[in-house]
Amino acid sequence: MAHDEDNRPPGLIASLGLVTRNAIGLLLNRLELAALELAQVRNHLLQLVVVFALAVLLGGFALIYASVTIVYLAWAAIGWVILPIITVVFLLIAIGLIVYARGLLRSGKLSLPATMAELKSDRDMLL
């Protein structure tokens, strides 16, 4: 008789235990995959930041050398007046970029509106 009991299909509790164990295993596998992908994304983002920083640095050097060249070429024609002219040009460009950046911040384009709406919806659902 003991042999017949061993051949019975697992009970409801045992089946739920197996399903739970499999679900936890699946969740852990997904978390491991996400952690690996996040590590790769982090490495790529770090590479991008380094490349961007070098590009900005080299762009700054190019701007400096271009300015020096303009001053050198214009010095014979207008003398020291070229220095305030270049200063005003750079100042106007800087002011324009600041106004543009403030406009971006005020328009809310950097505020992740869809994500914030979903998080608010989740919070409202839970409360």
N, C-alpha and C. Protein backbone atom coordinates (compact mmCIF):
# COMPACT_ATOMS: atom_id res chain seq x y z
N MET A 1 0.80 -1.19 0.00
CA MET A 1 0.00 0.00 0.00
C MET A 1 0.85 1.25 0.00
N ALA A 2 1.97 1.19 0.65
CA ALA A 2 2.84 2.35 0.68
C ALA A 2 3.32 2.68 -0.71
N HIS A 3 3.41 1.64 -1.54
CA HIS A 3 3.86 1.86 -2.91
C HIS A 3 2.85 2.65 -3.72
N ASP A 4 1.55 2.45 -3.48
CA ASP A 4 0.51 3.19 -4.18
C ASP A 4 0.52 4.67 -3.81
N GLU A 5 0.85 4.98 -2.55
CA GLU A 5 0.87 6.38 -2.13
C GLU A 5 2.01 7.14 -2.80
N ASP A 6 3.13 6.47 -3.12
CA ASP A 6 4.26 7.14 -3.76
C ASP A 6 3.95 7.51 -5.21
N ASN A 7 3.04 6.82 -5.87
CA ASN A 7 2.71 7.07 -7.27
C ASN A 7 1.64 8.13 -7.45
N ARG A 8 1.08 8.62 -6.36
CA ARG A 8 0.03 9.63 -6.48
C ARG A 8 0.63 10.96 -6.95
N PRO A 9 -0.14 11.73 -7.72
CA PRO A 9 0.35 13.04 -8.13
C PRO A 9 0.51 13.93 -6.89
N PRO A 10 1.40 14.91 -6.95
CA PRO A 10 1.61 15.77 -5.79
C PRO A 10 0.34 16.54 -5.46
N GLY A 11 0.18 16.83 -4.20
CA GLY A 11 -1.01 17.54 -3.74
C GLY A 11 -0.96 19.01 -4.11
N LEU A 12 -2.03 19.69 -3.75
CA LEU A 12 -2.17 21.11 -4.08
C LEU A 12 -1.07 21.94 -3.43
N ILE A 13 -0.77 21.66 -2.18
CA ILE A 13 0.25 22.43 -1.46
C ILE A 13 1.62 22.21 -2.10
N ALA A 14 1.92 20.97 -2.46
CA ALA A 14 3.21 20.68 -3.10
C ALA A 14 3.30 21.36 -4.46
N SER A 15 2.21 21.36 -5.21
CA SER A 15 2.19 22.01 -6.52
C SER A 15 2.39 23.52 -6.38
N LEU A 16 1.73 24.12 -5.40
CA LEU A 16 1.91 25.56 -5.16
C LEU A 16 3.35 25.86 -4.75
N GLY A 17 3.94 24.96 -3.97
CA GLY A 17 5.34 25.14 -3.59
C GLY A 17 6.26 25.10 -4.79
N LEU A 18 6.00 24.16 -5.71
CA LEU A 18 6.81 24.07 -6.93
C LEU A 18 6.64 25.32 -7.80
N VAL A 19 5.40 25.77 -7.94
CA VAL A 19 5.15 26.97 -8.74
C VAL A 19 5.84 28.18 -8.11
N THR A 20 5.75 28.29 -6.79
CA THR A 20 6.40 29.41 -6.10
C THR A 20 7.91 29.34 -6.28
N ARG A 21 8.48 28.14 -6.12
CA ARG A 21 9.93 27.99 -6.27
C ARG A 21 10.36 28.35 -7.69
N ASN A 22 9.59 27.91 -8.68
CA ASN A 22 9.92 28.24 -10.07
C ASN A 22 9.78 29.74 -10.34
N ALA A 23 8.76 30.37 -9.77
CA ALA A 23 8.56 31.81 -9.96
C ALA A 23 9.71 32.59 -9.32
N ILE A 24 10.14 32.17 -8.15
CA ILE A 24 11.27 32.85 -7.49
C ILE A 24 12.54 32.66 -8.29
N GLY A 25 12.74 31.44 -8.81
CA GLY A 25 13.91 31.19 -9.65
C GLY A 25 13.90 32.05 -10.90
N LEU A 26 12.73 32.18 -11.53
CA LEU A 26 12.59 33.02 -12.72
C LEU A 26 12.87 34.48 -12.38
N LEU A 27 12.33 34.94 -11.25
CA LEU A 27 12.56 36.31 -10.83
C LEU A 27 14.04 36.57 -10.57
N LEU A 28 14.72 35.62 -9.92
CA LEU A 28 16.15 35.78 -9.68
C LEU A 28 16.94 35.80 -10.98
N ASN A 29 16.56 34.96 -11.94
CA ASN A 29 17.23 34.98 -13.24
C ASN A 29 17.03 36.31 -13.94
N ARG A 30 15.84 36.86 -13.86
CA ARG A 30 15.56 38.16 -14.48
C ARG A 30 16.38 39.26 -13.80
N LEU A 31 16.48 39.19 -12.48
CA LEU A 31 17.27 40.18 -11.76
C LEU A 31 18.75 40.09 -12.12
N GLU A 32 19.26 38.87 -12.27
CA GLU A 32 20.66 38.70 -12.68
C GLU A 32 20.88 39.27 -14.07
N LEU A 33 19.96 39.00 -14.99
CA LEU A 33 20.07 39.53 -16.34
C LEU A 33 20.04 41.06 -16.33
N ALA A 34 19.12 41.61 -15.54
CA ALA A 34 19.03 43.06 -15.45
C ALA A 34 20.31 43.65 -14.86
N ALA A 35 20.87 42.98 -13.86
CA ALA A 35 22.11 43.48 -13.25
C ALA A 35 23.25 43.45 -14.26
N LEU A 36 23.34 42.39 -15.05
CA LEU A 36 24.37 42.32 -16.09
C LEU A 36 24.20 43.42 -17.12
N GLU A 37 22.98 43.61 -17.58
CA GLU A 37 22.72 44.64 -18.58
C GLU A 37 22.99 46.03 -18.02
N LEU A 38 22.62 46.26 -16.75
CA LEU A 38 22.88 47.56 -16.15
C LEU A 38 24.38 47.81 -16.02
N ALA A 39 25.15 46.76 -15.72
CA ALA A 39 26.60 46.92 -15.64
C ALA A 39 27.17 47.28 -17.01
N GLN A 40 26.65 46.64 -18.05
CA GLN A 40 27.12 46.97 -19.40
C GLN A 40 26.73 48.39 -19.78
N VAL A 41 25.51 48.77 -19.47
CA VAL A 41 25.05 50.13 -19.77
C VAL A 41 25.89 51.14 -19.00
N ARG A 42 26.20 50.83 -17.74
CA ARG A 42 27.03 51.73 -16.93
C ARG A 42 28.41 51.90 -17.56
N ASN A 43 29.00 50.81 -18.02
CA ASN A 43 30.31 50.89 -18.68
C ASN A 43 30.25 51.71 -19.96
N HIS A 44 29.22 51.50 -20.74
CA HIS A 44 29.07 52.26 -21.98
C HIS A 44 28.81 53.74 -21.69
N LEU A 45 28.04 54.00 -20.65
CA LEU A 45 27.77 55.39 -20.27
C LEU A 45 29.04 56.07 -19.79
N LEU A 46 29.87 55.35 -19.05
CA LEU A 46 31.14 55.90 -18.60
C LEU A 46 32.05 56.21 -19.79
N GLN A 47 32.09 55.31 -20.76
CA GLN A 47 32.87 55.56 -21.97
C GLN A 47 32.36 56.79 -22.70
N LEU A 48 31.04 56.91 -22.79
CA LEU A 48 30.44 58.06 -23.46
C LEU A 48 30.78 59.36 -22.74
N VAL A 49 30.75 59.36 -21.41
CA VAL A 49 31.08 60.55 -20.64
C VAL A 49 32.53 60.95 -20.87
N VAL A 50 33.44 59.96 -20.88
CA VAL A 50 34.86 60.26 -21.10
C VAL A 50 35.07 60.83 -22.50
N VAL A 51 34.46 60.21 -23.51
CA VAL A 51 34.60 60.70 -24.88
C VAL A 51 34.02 62.10 -25.01
N PHE A 52 32.86 62.34 -24.40
CA PHE A 52 32.24 63.66 -24.47
C PHE A 52 33.11 64.70 -23.78
N ALA A 53 33.69 64.35 -22.63
CA ALA A 53 34.56 65.29 -21.91
C ALA A 53 35.79 65.63 -22.75
N LEU A 54 36.37 64.62 -23.39
CA LEU A 54 37.52 64.89 -24.25
C LEU A 54 37.13 65.75 -25.45
N ALA A 55 35.95 65.50 -26.01
CA ALA A 55 35.49 66.30 -27.14
C ALA A 55 35.28 67.76 -26.72
N VAL A 56 34.72 67.97 -25.53
CA VAL A 56 34.53 69.34 -25.05
C VAL A 56 35.88 70.01 -24.81
N LEU A 57 36.81 69.29 -24.22
CA LEU A 57 38.13 69.84 -23.98
C LEU A 57 38.83 70.22 -25.28
N LEU A 58 38.81 69.32 -26.25
CA LEU A 58 39.45 69.61 -27.54
C LEU A 58 38.71 70.72 -28.29
N GLY A 59 37.39 70.75 -28.16
CA GLY A 59 36.63 71.84 -28.77
C GLY A 59 37.01 73.18 -28.16
N GLY A 60 37.24 73.19 -26.84
CA GLY A 60 37.70 74.41 -26.18
C GLY A 60 39.06 74.86 -26.70
N PHE A 61 39.98 73.90 -26.86
CA PHE A 61 41.29 74.25 -27.43
C PHE A 61 41.14 74.80 -28.84
N ALA A 62 40.28 74.20 -29.64
CA ALA A 62 40.07 74.68 -31.01
C ALA A 62 39.52 76.10 -30.99
N LEU A 63 38.60 76.37 -30.08
CA LEU A 63 38.03 77.71 -29.96
C LEU A 63 39.09 78.73 -29.53
N ILE A 64 39.93 78.32 -28.61
CA ILE A 64 41.01 79.22 -28.17
C ILE A 64 41.96 79.53 -29.32
N TYR A 65 42.38 78.50 -30.04
CA TYR A 65 43.31 78.74 -31.14
C TYR A 65 42.66 79.54 -32.27
N ALA A 66 41.39 79.31 -32.52
CA ALA A 66 40.70 80.10 -33.54
C ALA A 66 40.64 81.57 -33.12
N SER A 67 40.37 81.80 -31.83
CA SER A 67 40.33 83.18 -31.33
C SER A 67 41.69 83.85 -31.44
N VAL A 68 42.73 83.13 -31.07
CA VAL A 68 44.09 83.69 -31.17
C VAL A 68 44.42 84.02 -32.62
N THR A 69 44.01 83.14 -33.53
CA THR A 69 44.27 83.38 -34.96
C THR A 69 43.53 84.63 -35.44
N ILE A 70 42.29 84.79 -35.03
CA ILE A 70 41.51 85.97 -35.43
C ILE A 70 42.15 87.23 -34.87
N VAL A 71 42.57 87.18 -33.61
CA VAL A 71 43.23 88.34 -33.01
C VAL A 71 44.51 88.67 -33.77
N TYR A 72 45.30 87.67 -34.07
CA TYR A 72 46.57 87.89 -34.78
C TYR A 72 46.34 88.51 -36.15
N LEU A 73 45.34 87.98 -36.87
CA LEU A 73 45.08 88.50 -38.22
C LEU A 73 44.45 89.88 -38.21
N ALA A 74 43.61 90.17 -37.19
CA ALA A 74 42.91 91.46 -37.16
C ALA A 74 43.73 92.55 -36.46
N TRP A 75 44.79 92.18 -35.75
CA TRP A 75 45.55 93.16 -34.98
C TRP A 75 46.15 94.25 -35.86
N ALA A 76 46.62 93.87 -37.03
CA ALA A 76 47.23 94.86 -37.92
C ALA A 76 46.20 95.87 -38.42
N ALA A 77 44.97 95.45 -38.59
CA ALA A 77 43.95 96.34 -39.14
C ALA A 77 43.30 97.20 -38.06
N ILE A 78 42.90 96.63 -36.93
CA ILE A 78 42.14 97.41 -35.94
C ILE A 78 42.79 97.43 -34.56
N GLY A 79 43.89 96.76 -34.38
CA GLY A 79 44.62 96.82 -33.11
C GLY A 79 43.89 96.16 -31.96
N TRP A 80 44.01 96.77 -30.78
CA TRP A 80 43.45 96.19 -29.57
C TRP A 80 41.94 96.11 -29.56
N VAL A 81 41.26 96.79 -30.47
CA VAL A 81 39.78 96.80 -30.51
C VAL A 81 39.23 95.40 -30.78
N ILE A 82 40.04 94.52 -31.38
CA ILE A 82 39.56 93.17 -31.66
C ILE A 82 39.29 92.39 -30.36
N LEU A 83 40.01 92.68 -29.31
CA LEU A 83 39.82 91.96 -28.05
C LEU A 83 38.44 92.17 -27.44
N PRO A 84 37.96 93.43 -27.30
CA PRO A 84 36.59 93.58 -26.78
C PRO A 84 35.53 93.05 -27.75
N ILE A 85 35.82 93.10 -29.05
CA ILE A 85 34.85 92.56 -30.02
C ILE A 85 34.68 91.06 -29.80
N ILE A 86 35.79 90.34 -29.68
CA ILE A 86 35.70 88.89 -29.46
C ILE A 86 35.05 88.59 -28.11
N THR A 87 35.36 89.40 -27.09
CA THR A 87 34.75 89.22 -25.77
C THR A 87 33.24 89.37 -25.85
N VAL A 88 32.77 90.39 -26.55
CA VAL A 88 31.32 90.62 -26.69
C VAL A 88 30.66 89.47 -27.45
N VAL A 89 31.31 88.97 -28.49
CA VAL A 89 30.75 87.85 -29.27
C VAL A 89 30.58 86.62 -28.37
N PHE A 90 31.63 86.29 -27.60
CA PHE A 90 31.54 85.14 -26.70
C PHE A 90 30.50 85.36 -25.61
N LEU A 91 30.41 86.57 -25.10
CA LEU A 91 29.42 86.89 -24.08
C LEU A 91 28.00 86.73 -24.62
N LEU A 92 27.75 87.20 -25.84
CA LEU A 92 26.42 87.05 -26.44
C LEU A 92 26.07 85.57 -26.67
N ILE A 93 27.04 84.79 -27.10
CA ILE A 93 26.80 83.35 -27.29
C ILE A 93 26.48 82.70 -25.96
N ALA A 94 27.22 83.04 -24.90
CA ALA A 94 26.98 82.48 -23.57
C ALA A 94 25.59 82.85 -23.06
N ILE A 95 25.20 84.10 -23.22
CA ILE A 95 23.87 84.54 -22.78
C ILE A 95 22.79 83.80 -23.56
N GLY A 96 22.99 83.64 -24.86
CA GLY A 96 22.01 82.89 -25.66
C GLY A 96 21.87 81.46 -25.19
N LEU A 97 22.98 80.81 -24.87
CA LEU A 97 22.92 79.42 -24.37
C LEU A 97 22.24 79.34 -23.01
N ILE A 98 22.49 80.31 -22.14
CA ILE A 98 21.83 80.32 -20.83
C ILE A 98 20.33 80.50 -20.98
N VAL A 99 19.92 81.42 -21.85
CA VAL A 99 18.48 81.62 -22.09
C VAL A 99 17.84 80.35 -22.65
N TYR A 100 18.54 79.69 -23.58
CA TYR A 100 18.04 78.44 -24.15
C TYR A 100 17.91 77.36 -23.07
N ALA A 101 18.91 77.23 -22.21
CA ALA A 101 18.87 76.23 -21.14
C ALA A 101 17.74 76.51 -20.16
N ARG A 102 17.54 77.76 -19.80
CA ARG A 102 16.44 78.11 -18.90
C ARG A 102 15.09 77.80 -19.55
N GLY A 103 14.99 78.03 -20.85
CA GLY A 103 13.75 77.70 -21.55
C GLY A 103 13.48 76.20 -21.52
N LEU A 104 14.53 75.38 -21.68
CA LEU A 104 14.36 73.93 -21.60
C LEU A 104 13.89 73.52 -20.21
N LEU A 105 14.48 74.11 -19.19
CA LEU A 105 14.09 73.75 -17.82
C LEU A 105 12.66 74.18 -17.51
N ARG A 106 12.28 75.34 -17.97
CA ARG A 106 10.92 75.85 -17.70
C ARG A 106 9.85 75.08 -18.48
N SER A 107 10.21 74.57 -19.66
CA SER A 107 9.22 73.86 -20.47
C SER A 107 8.93 72.46 -19.93
N GLY A 108 9.74 71.97 -19.01
CA GLY A 108 9.50 70.66 -18.41
C GLY A 108 9.95 69.50 -19.27
N LYS A 109 10.79 69.75 -20.24
CA LYS A 109 11.23 68.67 -21.12
C LYS A 109 12.17 67.69 -20.42
N LEU A 110 12.72 68.08 -19.29
CA LEU A 110 13.64 67.21 -18.57
C LEU A 110 13.00 66.57 -17.34
N SER A 111 11.69 66.67 -17.20
CA SER A 111 11.04 66.22 -15.98
C SER A 111 10.47 64.81 -16.04
N LEU A 112 10.67 64.06 -17.11
CA LEU A 112 10.15 62.69 -17.27
C LEU A 112 8.65 62.62 -16.98
N PRO A 113 7.82 63.30 -17.76
CA PRO A 113 6.40 63.39 -17.43
C PRO A 113 5.68 62.05 -17.45
N ALA A 114 6.00 61.18 -18.39
CA ALA A 114 5.30 59.88 -18.45
C ALA A 114 5.66 59.02 -17.25
N THR A 115 6.93 58.99 -16.89
CA THR A 115 7.35 58.19 -15.74
C THR A 115 6.75 58.74 -14.45
N MET A 116 6.75 60.04 -14.30
CA MET A 116 6.19 60.64 -13.09
C MET A 116 4.69 60.37 -13.00
N ALA A 117 3.99 60.40 -14.14
CA ALA A 117 2.55 60.10 -14.14
C ALA A 117 2.30 58.66 -13.73
N GLU A 118 3.12 57.73 -14.23
CA GLU A 118 2.97 56.32 -13.85
C GLU A 118 3.25 56.11 -12.38
N LEU A 119 4.29 56.75 -11.88
CA LEU A 119 4.61 56.61 -10.45
C LEU A 119 3.49 57.19 -9.58
N LYS A 120 2.91 58.30 -10.00
CA LYS A 120 1.80 58.89 -9.25
C LYS A 120 0.58 57.96 -9.30
N SER A 121 0.34 57.36 -10.46
CA SER A 121 -0.76 56.41 -10.60
C SER A 121 -0.55 55.20 -9.70
N ASP A 122 0.68 54.69 -9.66
CA ASP A 122 0.98 53.55 -8.79
C ASP A 122 0.79 53.92 -7.32
N ARG A 123 1.25 55.11 -6.95
CA ARG A 123 1.09 55.55 -5.57
C ARG A 123 -0.37 55.67 -5.21
N ASP A 124 -1.19 56.26 -6.10
CA ASP A 124 -2.61 56.42 -5.84
C ASP A 124 -3.30 55.06 -5.73
N MET A 125 -2.87 54.10 -6.54
CA MET A 125 -3.47 52.77 -6.51
C MET A 125 -3.15 52.06 -5.19
N LEU A 126 -1.93 52.25 -4.69
CA LEU A 126 -1.52 51.58 -3.47
C LEU A 126 -2.11 52.21 -2.22
N LEU A 127 -2.41 53.51 -2.30
CA LEU A 127 -2.95 54.19 -1.11
C LEU A 127 -4.42 54.21 -1.05
